[in-house]
């Protein structure tokens, strides 16, 4: 299923601001991202699905909003 991805910060310079990929879960998404954008292999980033950070593998739906977030630091 095709899902829309939005990238922010330095990640958008690598992938473009928004794009679509055909995946069914977040594990497959990270695999596709690494294959398509080799620079992401060496960069840490977070995935957010529907504005919630996810750390494990979850199923995706075509209506989900997925964001690639660069590392951040607090002050």
C-alpha atoms as a PDB file:
ATOM      1  CA  UNK A   1       0.000   0.000   0.000  1.00  0.00           C
ATOM      2  CA  UNK A   2       1.271   3.471  -0.807  1.00  0.00           C
ATOM      3  CA  UNK A   3       1.889   5.734   2.179  1.00  0.00           C
ATOM      4  CA  UNK A   4       2.945   9.367   2.201  1.00  0.00           C
ATOM      5  CA  UNK A   5       6.136  10.261   4.037  1.00  0.00           C
ATOM      6  CA  UNK A   6       7.190  13.732   5.138  1.00  0.00           C
ATOM      7  CA  UNK A   7      10.826  14.391   5.983  1.00  0.00           C
ATOM      8  CA  UNK A   8      12.169  17.231   8.113  1.00  0.00           C
ATOM      9  CA  UNK A   9      15.509  18.937   8.653  1.00  0.00           C
ATOM     10  CA  UNK A  10      18.597  17.343   7.131  1.00  0.00           C
ATOM     11  CA  UNK A  11      16.524  14.294   6.169  1.00  0.00           C
ATOM     12  CA  UNK A  12      14.503  16.353   3.687  1.00  0.00           C
ATOM     13  CA  UNK A  13      17.757  17.312   1.961  1.00  0.00           C
ATOM     14  CA  UNK A  14      18.390  13.605   1.334  1.00  0.00           C
ATOM     15  CA  UNK A  15      14.891  12.357   0.491  1.00  0.00           C
ATOM     16  CA  UNK A  16      12.962  15.458  -0.493  1.00  0.00           C
ATOM     17  CA  UNK A  17      10.288  17.065   1.655  1.00  0.00           C
ATOM     18  CA  UNK A  18       7.499  14.604   0.813  1.00  0.00           C
ATOM     19  CA  UNK A  19       7.354  11.345  -1.111  1.00  0.00           C
ATOM     20  CA  UNK A  20       5.355   8.131  -1.371  1.00  0.00           C
ATOM     21  CA  UNK A  21       6.526   4.553  -0.783  1.00  0.00           C
ATOM     22  CA  UNK A  22       4.743   1.227  -1.059  1.00  0.00           C
ATOM     23  CA  UNK A  23       5.116  -0.501   2.337  1.00  0.00           C
ATOM     24  CA  UNK A  24       2.959  -2.343   4.858  1.00  0.00           C
ATOM     25  CA  UNK A  25       4.808  -1.732   8.154  1.00  0.00           C
ATOM     26  CA  UNK A  26       7.563   0.380   9.708  1.00  0.00           C
ATOM     27  CA  UNK A  27      10.224  -2.357   9.412  1.00  0.00           C
ATOM     28  CA  UNK A  28       9.632  -2.543   5.681  1.00  0.00           C
ATOM     29  CA  UNK A  29       9.640   1.263   5.522  1.00  0.00           C
ATOM     30  CA  UNK A  30      13.078   1.569   7.131  1.00  0.00           C
ATOM     31  CA  UNK A  31      14.412  -1.148   4.829  1.00  0.00           C
ATOM     32  CA  UNK A  32      13.069   0.615   1.724  1.00  0.00           C
ATOM     33  CA  UNK A  33      14.459   3.953   2.929  1.00  0.00           C
ATOM     34  CA  UNK A  34      17.944   2.513   3.428  1.00  0.00           C
ATOM     35  CA  UNK A  35      17.877   0.855   0.006  1.00  0.00           C
ATOM     36  CA  UNK A  36      16.625   3.958  -1.794  1.00  0.00           C
ATOM     37  CA  UNK A  37      18.552   6.592   0.189  1.00  0.00           C
ATOM     38  CA  UNK A  38      21.936   5.125   1.124  1.00  0.00           C
ATOM     39  CA  UNK A  39      22.875   8.237   3.122  1.00  0.00           C
ATOM     40  CA  UNK A  40      20.217   7.318   5.711  1.00  0.00           C
ATOM     41  CA  UNK A  41      22.245   4.253   6.704  1.00  0.00           C
ATOM     42  CA  UNK A  42      24.648   6.462   8.685  1.00  0.00           C
ATOM     43  CA  UNK A  43      22.093   8.900  10.099  1.00  0.00           C
ATOM     44  CA  UNK A  44      19.950   8.372  13.162  1.00  0.00           C
ATOM     45  CA  UNK A  45      16.346   9.462  12.784  1.00  0.00           C
ATOM     46  CA  UNK A  46      12.996   8.909  14.428  1.00  0.00           C
ATOM     47  CA  UNK A  47       9.743   7.744  12.885  1.00  0.00           C
ATOM     48  CA  UNK A  48       6.444   9.271  13.893  1.00  0.00           C
ATOM     49  CA  UNK A  49       3.140   7.791  12.826  1.00  0.00           C
ATOM     50  CA  UNK A  50       0.133  10.037  13.308  1.00  0.00           C
ATOM     51  CA  UNK A  51       2.259  12.407  15.424  1.00  0.00           C
ATOM     52  CA  UNK A  52       3.389   9.669  17.834  1.00  0.00           C
ATOM     53  CA  UNK A  53       6.963   8.426  17.956  1.00  0.00           C
ATOM     54  CA  UNK A  54       7.253   4.708  17.261  1.00  0.00           C
ATOM     55  CA  UNK A  55      10.136   2.433  18.171  1.00  0.00           C
ATOM     56  CA  UNK A  56       8.895  -1.035  17.270  1.00  0.00           C
ATOM     57  CA  UNK A  57       7.372  -2.456  14.145  1.00  0.00           C
ATOM     58  CA  UNK A  58       3.768  -1.385  13.533  1.00  0.00           C
ATOM     59  CA  UNK A  59       1.362  -1.938  10.665  1.00  0.00           C
ATOM     60  CA  UNK A  60       0.723   1.080   8.460  1.00  0.00           C
ATOM     61  CA  UNK A  61      -2.487   2.225   6.847  1.00  0.00           C
ATOM     62  CA  UNK A  62      -2.819   4.395   3.738  1.00  0.00           C
ATOM     63  CA  UNK A  63      -4.401   7.113   5.873  1.00  0.00           C
ATOM     64  CA  UNK A  64      -1.467   7.280   8.327  1.00  0.00           C
ATOM     65  CA  UNK A  65       0.703  10.370   8.476  1.00  0.00           C
ATOM     66  CA  UNK A  66       4.362   9.330   8.657  1.00  0.00           C
ATOM     67  CA  UNK A  67       7.189  11.706   9.495  1.00  0.00           C
ATOM     68  CA  UNK A  68      10.961  11.223   9.401  1.00  0.00           C
ATOM     69  CA  UNK A  69      12.425  13.326  12.177  1.00  0.00           C
ATOM     70  CA  UNK A  70      16.119  14.195  12.525  1.00  0.00           C
ATOM     71  CA  UNK A  71      17.862  13.757  15.867  1.00  0.00           C
ATOM     72  CA  UNK A  72      17.181  16.530  18.319  1.00  0.00           C
ATOM     73  CA  UNK A  73      18.736  17.684  21.545  1.00  0.00           C
ATOM     74  CA  UNK A  74      17.265  19.379  24.561  1.00  0.00           C
ATOM     75  CA  UNK A  75      18.618  22.358  26.347  1.00  0.00           C
END
